[in-house]
Structure formats: structure tokens, C-alpha cells
PDB file of N, CA and C in Angstrom:
ATOM      1  N   MET A   1       0.800  -1.223   0.018  1.00  0.00           N
ATOM      2  CA  MET A   1       0.126  -0.024   0.026  1.00  0.00           C
ATOM      3  C   MET A   1       0.950   1.278   0.047  1.00  0.00           C
ATOM      4  N   ARG A   2       0.538   2.158  -0.690  1.00  0.00           N
ATOM      5  CA  ARG A   2       1.372   3.335  -1.059  1.00  0.00           C
ATOM      6  C   ARG A   2       1.148   4.358   0.188  1.00  0.00           C
ATOM      7  N   LYS A   3       2.208   5.026   0.735  1.00  0.00           N
ATOM      8  CA  LYS A   3       2.083   6.005   1.730  1.00  0.00           C
ATOM      9  C   LYS A   3       1.595   7.429   1.025  1.00  0.00           C
ATOM     10  N   LYS A   4       0.587   7.986   1.608  1.00  0.00           N
ATOM     11  CA  LYS A   4      -0.039   9.243   1.037  1.00  0.00           C
ATOM     12  C   LYS A   4       0.888  10.233   1.436  1.00  0.00           C
ATOM     13  N   VAL A   5       1.321  11.219   0.469  1.00  0.00           N
ATOM     14  CA  VAL A   5       2.041  12.451   0.583  1.00  0.00           C
ATOM     15  C   VAL A   5       1.405  13.560   1.019  1.00  0.00           C
ATOM     16  N   LYS A   6       1.730  14.099   2.033  1.00  0.00           N
ATOM     17  CA  LYS A   6       0.984  15.473   2.315  1.00  0.00           C
ATOM     18  C   LYS A   6       1.646  16.541   1.459  1.00  0.00           C
ATOM     19  N   ARG A   7       0.766  17.157   0.634  1.00  0.00           N
ATOM     20  CA  ARG A   7       1.222  17.944  -0.460  1.00  0.00           C
ATOM     21  C   ARG A   7       0.751  19.458  -0.093  1.00  0.00           C
ATOM     22  N   HIS A   8      -0.050  19.753   0.838  1.00  0.00           N
ATOM     23  CA  HIS A   8      -0.622  21.041   1.089  1.00  0.00           C
ATOM     24  C   HIS A   8      -0.398  21.344   2.570  1.00  0.00           C
ATOM     25  N   SER A   9       0.607  22.062   2.886  1.00  0.00           N
ATOM     26  CA  SER A   9       0.881  22.301   4.285  1.00  0.00           C
ATOM     27  C   SER A   9       1.750  23.493   4.308  1.00  0.00           C
ATOM     28  N   GLU A  10       2.742  23.630   5.293  1.00  0.00           N
ATOM     29  CA  GLU A  10       3.826  24.601   5.300  1.00  0.00           C
ATOM     30  C   GLU A  10       5.060  23.823   4.985  1.00  0.00           C
ATOM     31  N   PHE A  11       5.763  24.517   3.955  1.00  0.00           N
ATOM     32  CA  PHE A  11       7.034  23.868   3.726  1.00  0.00           C
ATOM     33  C   PHE A  11       7.958  25.063   3.498  1.00  0.00           C
ATOM     34  N   TYR A  12       9.273  24.720   3.801  1.00  0.00           N
ATOM     35  CA  TYR A  12      10.361  25.971   3.868  1.00  0.00           C
ATOM     36  C   TYR A  12      11.483  25.758   3.103  1.00  0.00           C
ATOM     37  N   VAL A  13      11.967  26.692   2.499  1.00  0.00           N
ATOM     38  CA  VAL A  13      13.324  26.670   2.077  1.00  0.00           C
ATOM     39  C   VAL A  13      14.211  27.548   2.718  1.00  0.00           C
ATOM     40  N   TYR A  14      15.295  27.061   3.163  1.00  0.00           N
ATOM     41  CA  TYR A  14      16.178  27.782   4.039  1.00  0.00           C
ATOM     42  C   TYR A  14      17.676  27.811   3.634  1.00  0.00           C
ATOM     43  N   ILE A  15      18.395  28.800   4.162  1.00  0.00           N
ATOM     44  CA  ILE A  15      19.759  28.884   3.963  1.00  0.00           C
ATOM     45  C   ILE A  15      20.431  29.094   5.429  1.00  0.00           C
ATOM     46  N   ILE A  16      21.349  28.177   5.752  1.00  0.00           N
ATOM     47  CA  ILE A  16      21.945  28.297   7.101  1.00  0.00           C
ATOM     48  C   ILE A  16      23.454  28.398   6.706  1.00  0.00           C
ATOM     49  N   GLN A  17      24.074  29.119   7.849  1.00  0.00           N
ATOM     50  CA  GLN A  17      25.491  29.357   7.669  1.00  0.00           C
ATOM     51  C   GLN A  17      26.203  28.541   8.670  1.00  0.00           C
ATOM     52  N   CYS A  18      27.216  27.947   8.189  1.00  0.00           N
ATOM     53  CA  CYS A  18      27.993  26.854   9.003  1.00  0.00           C
ATOM     54  C   CYS A  18      29.017  27.681   9.711  1.00  0.00           C
ATOM     55  N   LYS A  19      29.701  27.036  10.688  1.00  0.00           N
ATOM     56  CA  LYS A  19      30.753  27.673  11.596  1.00  0.00           C
ATOM     57  C   LYS A  19      31.883  28.147  10.650  1.00  0.00           C
ATOM     58  N   ASN A  20      32.177  27.359   9.673  1.00  0.00           N
ATOM     59  CA  ASN A  20      33.299  27.814   8.701  1.00  0.00           C
ATOM     60  C   ASN A  20      32.905  28.952   7.755  1.00  0.00           C
ATOM     61  N   GLY A  21      31.642  29.398   7.721  1.00  0.00           N
ATOM     62  CA  GLY A  21      31.210  30.532   6.841  1.00  0.00           C
ATOM     63  C   GLY A  21      30.665  30.050   5.497  1.00  0.00           C
ATOM     64  N   THR A  22      30.470  28.863   5.259  1.00  0.00           N
ATOM     65  CA  THR A  22      29.902  28.176   3.967  1.00  0.00           C
ATOM     66  C   THR A  22      28.496  28.364   4.354  1.00  0.00           C
ATOM     67  N   TYR A  23      27.674  28.231   3.267  1.00  0.00           N
ATOM     68  CA  TYR A  23      26.051  28.227   3.080  1.00  0.00           C
ATOM     69  C   TYR A  23      25.650  26.876   2.972  1.00  0.00           C
ATOM     70  N   TYR A  24      24.618  26.538   3.345  1.00  0.00           N
ATOM     71  CA  TYR A  24      23.809  25.154   2.904  1.00  0.00           C
ATOM     72  C   TYR A  24      22.428  25.571   2.823  1.00  0.00           C
ATOM     73  N   THR A  25      21.831  25.177   1.814  1.00  0.00           N
ATOM     74  CA  THR A  25      20.544  25.272   1.275  1.00  0.00           C
ATOM     75  C   THR A  25      19.690  24.200   1.265  1.00  0.00           C
ATOM     76  N   GLY A  26      18.390  23.894   1.768  1.00  0.00           N
ATOM     77  CA  GLY A  26      17.656  22.957   2.012  1.00  0.00           C
ATOM     78  C   GLY A  26      16.154  23.222   1.892  1.00  0.00           C
ATOM     79  N   TYR A  27      15.335  22.271   2.111  1.00  0.00           N
ATOM     80  CA  TYR A  27      13.864  22.545   2.399  1.00  0.00           C
ATOM     81  C   TYR A  27      13.409  21.534   3.349  1.00  0.00           C
ATOM     82  N   THR A  28      12.425  21.812   4.030  1.00  0.00           N
ATOM     83  CA  THR A  28      11.632  21.077   4.979  1.00  0.00           C
ATOM     84  C   THR A  28      10.362  21.531   5.394  1.00  0.00           C
ATOM     85  N   ASN A  29       9.482  20.551   6.080  1.00  0.00           N
ATOM     86  CA  ASN A  29       8.204  21.031   6.471  1.00  0.00           C
ATOM     87  C   ASN A  29       8.287  21.214   7.933  1.00  0.00           C
ATOM     88  N   ASN A  30       9.403  21.163   8.591  1.00  0.00           N
ATOM     89  CA  ASN A  30       9.422  21.572   9.838  1.00  0.00           C
ATOM     90  C   ASN A  30      10.805  22.337  10.272  1.00  0.00           C
ATOM     91  N   LEU A  31      10.829  23.635  10.064  1.00  0.00           N
ATOM     92  CA  LEU A  31      12.008  24.366  10.163  1.00  0.00           C
ATOM     93  C   LEU A  31      12.741  24.334  11.413  1.00  0.00           C
ATOM     94  N   ASP A  32      12.110  24.479  12.615  1.00  0.00           N
ATOM     95  CA  ASP A  32      12.791  24.289  13.732  1.00  0.00           C
ATOM     96  C   ASP A  32      13.629  23.098  13.992  1.00  0.00           C
ATOM     97  N   ASN A  33      12.675  21.921  13.831  1.00  0.00           N
ATOM     98  CA  ASN A  33      13.258  20.743  14.025  1.00  0.00           C
ATOM     99  C   ASN A  33      14.428  20.295  13.053  1.00  0.00           C
ATOM    100  N   ARG A  34      14.420  20.858  11.879  1.00  0.00           N
ATOM    101  CA  ARG A  34      15.510  20.612  10.968  1.00  0.00           C
ATOM    102  C   ARG A  34      16.614  21.291  11.267  1.00  0.00           C
ATOM    103  N   ILE A  35      16.551  22.555  11.825  1.00  0.00           N
ATOM    104  CA  ILE A  35      17.866  23.422  12.353  1.00  0.00           C
ATOM    105  C   ILE A  35      18.531  22.603  13.387  1.00  0.00           C
ATOM    106  N   ASN A  36      17.610  22.017  14.559  1.00  0.00           N
ATOM    107  CA  ASN A  36      17.941  21.219  15.658  1.00  0.00           C
ATOM    108  C   ASN A  36      18.651  19.962  15.176  1.00  0.00           C
ATOM    109  N   GLU A  37      18.406  19.347  14.133  1.00  0.00           N
ATOM    110  CA  GLU A  37      18.777  18.075  13.487  1.00  0.00           C
ATOM    111  C   GLU A  37      20.175  18.339  13.076  1.00  0.00           C
ATOM    112  N   HIS A  38      20.274  19.465  12.375  1.00  0.00           N
ATOM    113  CA  HIS A  38      21.530  19.899  11.652  1.00  0.00           C
ATOM    114  C   HIS A  38      22.733  20.117  12.826  1.00  0.00           C
ATOM    115  N   ASN A  39      22.281  21.014  13.879  1.00  0.00           N
ATOM    116  CA  ASN A  39      22.932  21.257  15.028  1.00  0.00           C
ATOM    117  C   ASN A  39      23.472  19.948  15.819  1.00  0.00           C
ATOM    118  N   SER A  40      22.581  19.056  15.817  1.00  0.00           N
ATOM    119  CA  SER A  40      22.713  17.675  16.723  1.00  0.00           C
ATOM    120  C   SER A  40      23.686  16.886  15.889  1.00  0.00           C
ATOM    121  N   GLY A  41      24.069  17.095  14.582  1.00  0.00           N
ATOM    122  CA  GLY A  41      25.088  16.389  13.832  1.00  0.00           C
ATOM    123  C   GLY A  41      24.247  15.336  12.840  1.00  0.00           C
ATOM    124  N   HIS A  42      22.954  15.459  12.941  1.00  0.00           N
ATOM    125  CA  HIS A  42      22.075  14.551  12.053  1.00  0.00           C
ATOM    126  C   HIS A  42      21.716  15.160  10.882  1.00  0.00           C
ATOM    127  N   GLY A  43      21.246  14.656   9.817  1.00  0.00           N
ATOM    128  CA  GLY A  43      20.885  15.344   8.557  1.00  0.00           C
ATOM    129  C   GLY A  43      21.741  15.126   7.518  1.00  0.00           C
ATOM    130  N   ALA A  44      22.254  16.318   6.784  1.00  0.00           N
ATOM    131  CA  ALA A  44      23.067  16.307   5.796  1.00  0.00           C
ATOM    132  C   ALA A  44      24.475  16.092   6.021  1.00  0.00           C
ATOM    133  N   LYS A  45      24.866  15.142   5.104  1.00  0.00           N
ATOM    134  CA  LYS A  45      26.246  14.813   5.382  1.00  0.00           C
ATOM    135  C   LYS A  45      27.290  15.926   5.161  1.00  0.00           C
ATOM    136  N   TYR A  46      26.897  16.899   4.207  1.00  0.00           N
ATOM    137  CA  TYR A  46      27.837  17.950   4.031  1.00  0.00           C
ATOM    138  C   TYR A  46      28.064  18.882   5.337  1.00  0.00           C
ATOM    139  N   LEU A  47      27.279  18.738   6.161  1.00  0.00           N
ATOM    140  CA  LEU A  47      27.239  19.730   7.478  1.00  0.00           C
ATOM    141  C   LEU A  47      28.065  18.869   8.613  1.00  0.00           C
ATOM    142  N   ARG A  48      28.584  17.784   8.404  1.00  0.00           N
ATOM    143  CA  ARG A  48      29.210  17.044   9.373  1.00  0.00           C
ATOM    144  C   ARG A  48      30.568  17.738   9.644  1.00  0.00           C
ATOM    145  N   GLY A  49      30.808  18.282  10.983  1.00  0.00           N
ATOM    146  CA  GLY A  49      31.948  18.866  11.417  1.00  0.00           C
ATOM    147  C   GLY A  49      31.906  20.253  10.957  1.00  0.00           C
ATOM    148  N   LYS A  50      30.740  20.700  10.580  1.00  0.00           N
ATOM    149  CA  LYS A  50      30.666  22.440  10.269  1.00  0.00           C
ATOM    150  C   LYS A  50      29.634  22.898  11.172  1.00  0.00           C
ATOM    151  N   VAL A  51      29.200  22.255  12.205  1.00  0.00           N
ATOM    152  CA  VAL A  51      28.261  22.665  13.272  1.00  0.00           C
ATOM    153  C   VAL A  51      28.892  23.599  14.376  1.00  0.00           C
ATOM    154  N   PRO A  52      28.205  24.323  14.896  1.00  0.00           N
ATOM    155  CA  PRO A  52      26.784  24.815  14.948  1.00  0.00           C
ATOM    156  C   PRO A  52      26.469  25.673  13.641  1.00  0.00           C
ATOM    157  N   VAL A  53      25.352  25.438  13.152  1.00  0.00           N
ATOM    158  CA  VAL A  53      24.809  26.202  12.169  1.00  0.00           C
ATOM    159  C   VAL A  53      23.696  27.223  12.663  1.00  0.00           C
ATOM    160  N   LYS A  54      23.734  28.262  11.697  1.00  0.00           N
ATOM    161  CA  LYS A  54      22.798  29.514  11.992  1.00  0.00           C
ATOM    162  C   LYS A  54      21.853  29.763  10.957  1.00  0.00           C
ATOM    163  N   LEU A  55      20.576  29.862  11.208  1.00  0.00           N
ATOM    164  CA  LEU A  55      19.567  30.181  10.203  1.00  0.00           C
ATOM    165  C   LEU A  55      19.761  31.568   9.616  1.00  0.00           C
ATOM    166  N   VAL A  56      19.896  31.798   8.382  1.00  0.00           N
ATOM    167  CA  VAL A  56      20.098  33.254   7.818  1.00  0.00           C
ATOM    168  C   VAL A  56      19.061  33.546   6.778  1.00  0.00           C
ATOM    169  N   TYR A  57      18.418  32.518   6.262  1.00  0.00           N
ATOM    170  CA  TYR A  57      17.234  32.918   5.396  1.00  0.00           C
ATOM    171  C   TYR A  57      16.213  31.680   5.378  1.00  0.00           C
ATOM    172  N   ALA A  58      14.951  32.147   5.439  1.00  0.00           N
ATOM    173  CA  ALA A  58      13.949  31.109   5.295  1.00  0.00           C
ATOM    174  C   ALA A  58      12.627  31.724   4.477  1.00  0.00           C
ATOM    175  N   LYS A  59      11.954  30.915   3.858  1.00  0.00           N
ATOM    176  CA  LYS A  59      10.852  31.502   3.055  1.00  0.00           C
ATOM    177  C   LYS A  59       9.764  30.275   3.045  1.00  0.00           C
ATOM    178  N   GLU A  60       8.636  30.748   3.376  1.00  0.00           N
ATOM    179  CA  GLU A  60       7.533  29.436   3.542  1.00  0.00           C
ATOM    180  C   GLU A  60       6.765  29.269   2.215  1.00  0.00           C
ATOM    181  N   TYR A  61       6.467  28.175   1.915  1.00  0.00           N
ATOM    182  CA  TYR A  61       5.487  27.819   0.997  1.00  0.00           C
ATOM    183  C   TYR A  61       4.373  27.022   1.135  1.00  0.00           C
ATOM    184  N   LYS A  62       3.273  26.890   0.406  1.00  0.00           N
ATOM    185  CA  LYS A  62       1.984  26.179   0.883  1.00  0.00           C
ATOM    186  C   LYS A  62       2.308  24.696   0.160  1.00  0.00           C
ATOM    187  N   TYR A  63       3.084  24.621  -0.899  1.00  0.00           N
ATOM    188  CA  TYR A  63       3.172  23.469  -1.728  1.00  0.00           C
ATOM    189  C   TYR A  63       4.647  23.068  -1.704  1.00  0.00           C
ATOM    190  N   TYR A  64       4.700  21.846  -1.367  1.00  0.00           N
ATOM    191  CA  TYR A  64       6.223  21.129  -1.346  1.00  0.00           C
ATOM    192  C   TYR A  64       6.916  21.346  -2.730  1.00  0.00           C
ATOM    193  N   LYS A  65       6.159  21.215  -3.829  1.00  0.00           N
ATOM    194  CA  LYS A  65       6.745  21.384  -5.186  1.00  0.00           C
ATOM    195  C   LYS A  65       7.353  22.727  -5.350  1.00  0.00           C
ATOM    196  N   ASN A  66       6.722  23.738  -5.002  1.00  0.00           N
ATOM    197  CA  ASN A  66       7.185  25.108  -4.965  1.00  0.00           C
ATOM    198  C   ASN A  66       8.364  25.253  -4.087  1.00  0.00           C
ATOM    199  N   ALA A  67       8.386  24.600  -2.955  1.00  0.00           N
ATOM    200  CA  ALA A  67       9.476  24.697  -2.039  1.00  0.00           C
ATOM    201  C   ALA A  67      10.765  23.960  -2.725  1.00  0.00           C
ATOM    202  N   LEU A  68      10.511  22.913  -3.352  1.00  0.00           N
ATOM    203  CA  LEU A  68      11.629  22.059  -4.065  1.00  0.00           C
ATOM    204  C   LEU A  68      12.180  22.969  -5.159  1.00  0.00           C
ATOM    205  N   TRP A  69      11.251  23.533  -5.940  1.00  0.00           N
ATOM    206  CA  TRP A  69      11.709  24.383  -6.989  1.00  0.00           C
ATOM    207  C   TRP A  69      12.491  25.477  -6.643  1.00  0.00           C
ATOM    208  N   ALA A  70      11.950  26.096  -5.516  1.00  0.00           N
ATOM    209  CA  ALA A  70      12.823  27.201  -4.900  1.00  0.00           C
ATOM    210  C   ALA A  70      14.218  26.925  -4.484  1.00  0.00           C
ATOM    211  N   GLU A  71      14.241  25.745  -3.826  1.00  0.00           N
ATOM    212  CA  GLU A  71      15.523  25.255  -3.338  1.00  0.00           C
ATOM    213  C   GLU A  71      16.480  24.975  -4.429  1.00  0.00           C
ATOM    214  N   ARG A  72      16.079  24.545  -5.737  1.00  0.00           N
ATOM    215  CA  ARG A  72      17.078  24.317  -6.842  1.00  0.00           C
ATOM    216  C   ARG A  72      17.538  25.709  -7.349  1.00  0.00           C
ATOM    217  N   VAL A  73      16.505  26.632  -7.390  1.00  0.00           N
ATOM    218  CA  VAL A  73      16.919  27.920  -7.757  1.00  0.00           C
ATOM    219  C   VAL A  73      18.031  28.536  -6.755  1.00  0.00           C
ATOM    220  N   LEU A  74      17.858  28.527  -5.675  1.00  0.00           N
ATOM    221  CA  LEU A  74      18.800  29.026  -4.570  1.00  0.00           C
ATOM    222  C   LEU A  74      20.031  28.388  -4.714  1.00  0.00           C
ATOM    223  N   LYS A  75      20.068  26.936  -4.895  1.00  0.00           N
ATOM    224  CA  LYS A  75      21.408  26.419  -4.919  1.00  0.00           C
ATOM    225  C   LYS A  75      22.200  26.765  -6.124  1.00  0.00           C
ATOM    226  N   LYS A  76      21.492  27.339  -7.147  1.00  0.00           N
ATOM    227  CA  LYS A  76      22.199  27.751  -8.298  1.00  0.00           C
ATOM    228  C   LYS A  76      22.801  29.224  -8.202  1.00  0.00           C
ATOM    229  N   LEU A  77      22.475  29.883  -7.056  1.00  0.00           N
ATOM    230  CA  LEU A  77      22.767  31.227  -6.996  1.00  0.00           C
ATOM    231  C   LEU A  77      24.430  31.265  -6.584  1.00  0.00           C
ATOM    232  N   THR A  78      25.027  32.438  -6.877  1.00  0.00           N
ATOM    233  CA  THR A  78      26.452  32.495  -6.650  1.00  0.00           C
ATOM    234  C   THR A  78      26.391  32.922  -5.108  1.00  0.00           C
ATOM    235  N   ARG A  79      27.589  33.018  -4.407  1.00  0.00           N
ATOM    236  CA  ARG A  79      27.730  33.318  -3.093  1.00  0.00           C
ATOM    237  C   ARG A  79      27.276  34.701  -2.746  1.00  0.00           C
ATOM    238  N   LYS A  80      27.701  35.402  -3.857  1.00  0.00           N
ATOM    239  CA  LYS A  80      27.466  36.876  -3.566  1.00  0.00           C
ATOM    240  C   LYS A  80      25.987  37.169  -3.905  1.00  0.00           C
ATOM    241  N   GLN A  81      25.205  36.486  -4.665  1.00  0.00           N
ATOM    242  CA  GLN A  81      23.799  36.477  -4.750  1.00  0.00           C
ATOM    243  C   GLN A  81      23.139  36.097  -3.447  1.00  0.00           C
ATOM    244  N   LYS A  82      23.540  34.928  -2.844  1.00  0.00           N
ATOM    245  CA  LYS A  82      22.936  34.575  -1.600  1.00  0.00           C
ATOM    246  C   LYS A  82      23.059  35.545  -0.633  1.00  0.00           C
ATOM    247  N   GLU A  83      24.351  36.057  -0.398  1.00  0.00           N
ATOM    248  CA  GLU A  83      24.620  37.014   0.631  1.00  0.00           C
ATOM    249  C   GLU A  83      23.751  38.381   0.554  1.00  0.00           C
ATOM    250  N   GLU A  84      23.478  38.829  -0.774  1.00  0.00           N
ATOM    251  CA  GLU A  84      22.522  39.787  -1.005  1.00  0.00           C
ATOM    252  C   GLU A  84      21.085  39.394  -0.579  1.00  0.00           C
ATOM    253  N   LEU A  85      20.731  38.137  -0.858  1.00  0.00           N
ATOM    254  CA  LEU A  85      19.349  37.675  -0.469  1.00  0.00           C
ATOM    255  C   LEU A  85      19.348  37.692   1.227  1.00  0.00           C
ATOM    256  N   ILE A  86      20.301  37.132   1.748  1.00  0.00           N
ATOM    257  CA  ILE A  86      20.447  37.077   3.156  1.00  0.00           C
ATOM    258  C   ILE A  86      20.411  38.531   3.762  1.00  0.00           C
ATOM    259  N   ARG A  87      21.051  39.463   3.118  1.00  0.00           N
ATOM    260  CA  ARG A  87      20.996  40.920   3.535  1.00  0.00           C
ATOM    261  C   ARG A  87      19.536  41.417   3.507  1.00  0.00           C
ATOM    262  N   ILE A  88      18.840  41.277   2.555  1.00  0.00           N
ATOM    263  CA  ILE A  88      17.554  41.690   2.455  1.00  0.00           C
ATOM    264  C   ILE A  88      16.599  40.836   3.407  1.00  0.00           C
ATOM    265  N   TYR A  89      16.847  39.780   3.521  1.00  0.00           N
ATOM    266  CA  TYR A  89      16.134  38.865   4.457  1.00  0.00           C
ATOM    267  C   TYR A  89      16.185  39.608   6.146  1.00  0.00           C
ATOM    268  N   ALA A  90      17.588  39.545   6.339  1.00  0.00           N
ATOM    269  CA  ALA A  90      17.892  40.248   7.706  1.00  0.00           C
ATOM    270  C   ALA A  90      17.338  41.567   7.908  1.00  0.00           C
ATOM    271  N   LYS A  91      17.326  42.256   6.818  1.00  0.00           N
ATOM    272  CA  LYS A  91      16.729  43.711   6.965  1.00  0.00           C
ATOM    273  C   LYS A  91      15.202  43.685   7.148  1.00  0.00           C
ATOM    274  N   SER A  92      14.483  42.812   6.422  1.00  0.00           N
ATOM    275  CA  SER A  92      13.112  42.677   6.477  1.00  0.00           C
ATOM    276  C   SER A  92      12.795  42.157   7.977  1.00  0.00           C
ATOM    277  N   ARG A  93      13.534  41.272   8.472  1.00  0.00           N
ATOM    278  CA  ARG A  93      13.332  40.735  10.010  1.00  0.00           C
ATOM    279  C   ARG A  93      13.454  41.752  10.893  1.00  0.00           C
ATOM    280  N   ASP A  94      14.325  42.906  10.678  1.00  0.00           N
ATOM    281  CA  ASP A  94      14.469  43.817  11.761  1.00  0.00           C
ATOM    282  C   ASP A  94      13.456  44.869  11.632  1.00  0.00           C
ATOM    283  N   ILE A  95      12.740  45.057  10.526  1.00  0.00           N
ATOM    284  CA  ILE A  95      11.755  46.095  10.354  1.00  0.00           C
ATOM    285  C   ILE A  95      10.362  45.435  11.180  1.00  0.00           C
ATOM    286  N   ASN A  96      10.246  44.324  11.141  1.00  0.00           N
ATOM    287  CA  ASN A  96       8.966  43.612  11.684  1.00  0.00           C
ATOM    288  C   ASN A  96       9.224  43.447  13.136  1.00  0.00           C
TER     289      ASN A  96
END
């Protein structure tokens, strides 16, 4: 029997900054839990040895396919473009 996939909910695309200054982009349906997983050493192999990580960008989507698409777009950005996006995100968070 096939497992039903929840397609309409809250999905997030995020960028985290590792302790060595590199960026990692991913998507999840539970942002707080995912950041905690990364910091506890579970999750992406790329992040092993690069913790603690800090959330520097996040955007919410209602559909997982949109979040997946956005993740692919973000991963193709240059470091400079990611830093500009992070700067704008940080500025918008200060205003609210």
C-alpha cells in the first residue's frame, strides 16, 4: 500500500551558515526541527563537522513542489547573490 504524501501544508526553503562560513540550502516541512537536527549532527552529510549552524534565510511555501523548485533556484545562486538575499532577509526581519 502506498503512503499518502501530504502536499498542502507549510514547507520551507532555508539557508544556514556553517561555523566555517559556508552556506547550505535545503527545504523542510518543520524548520525548527530541521535546524536542531543539523546542529545535533544529524541530517545532511555536508554539515558534518561544520556545526553549529545559524539560520540566515527562510521562506515559507504552501506546496512542497514550490519549495523544491525554490531550493533548486537558490542552490544555483552565486555566493554573492546568496549574501544579497540574506542581507535583504535580515533587513526585513529587523523592520517587523
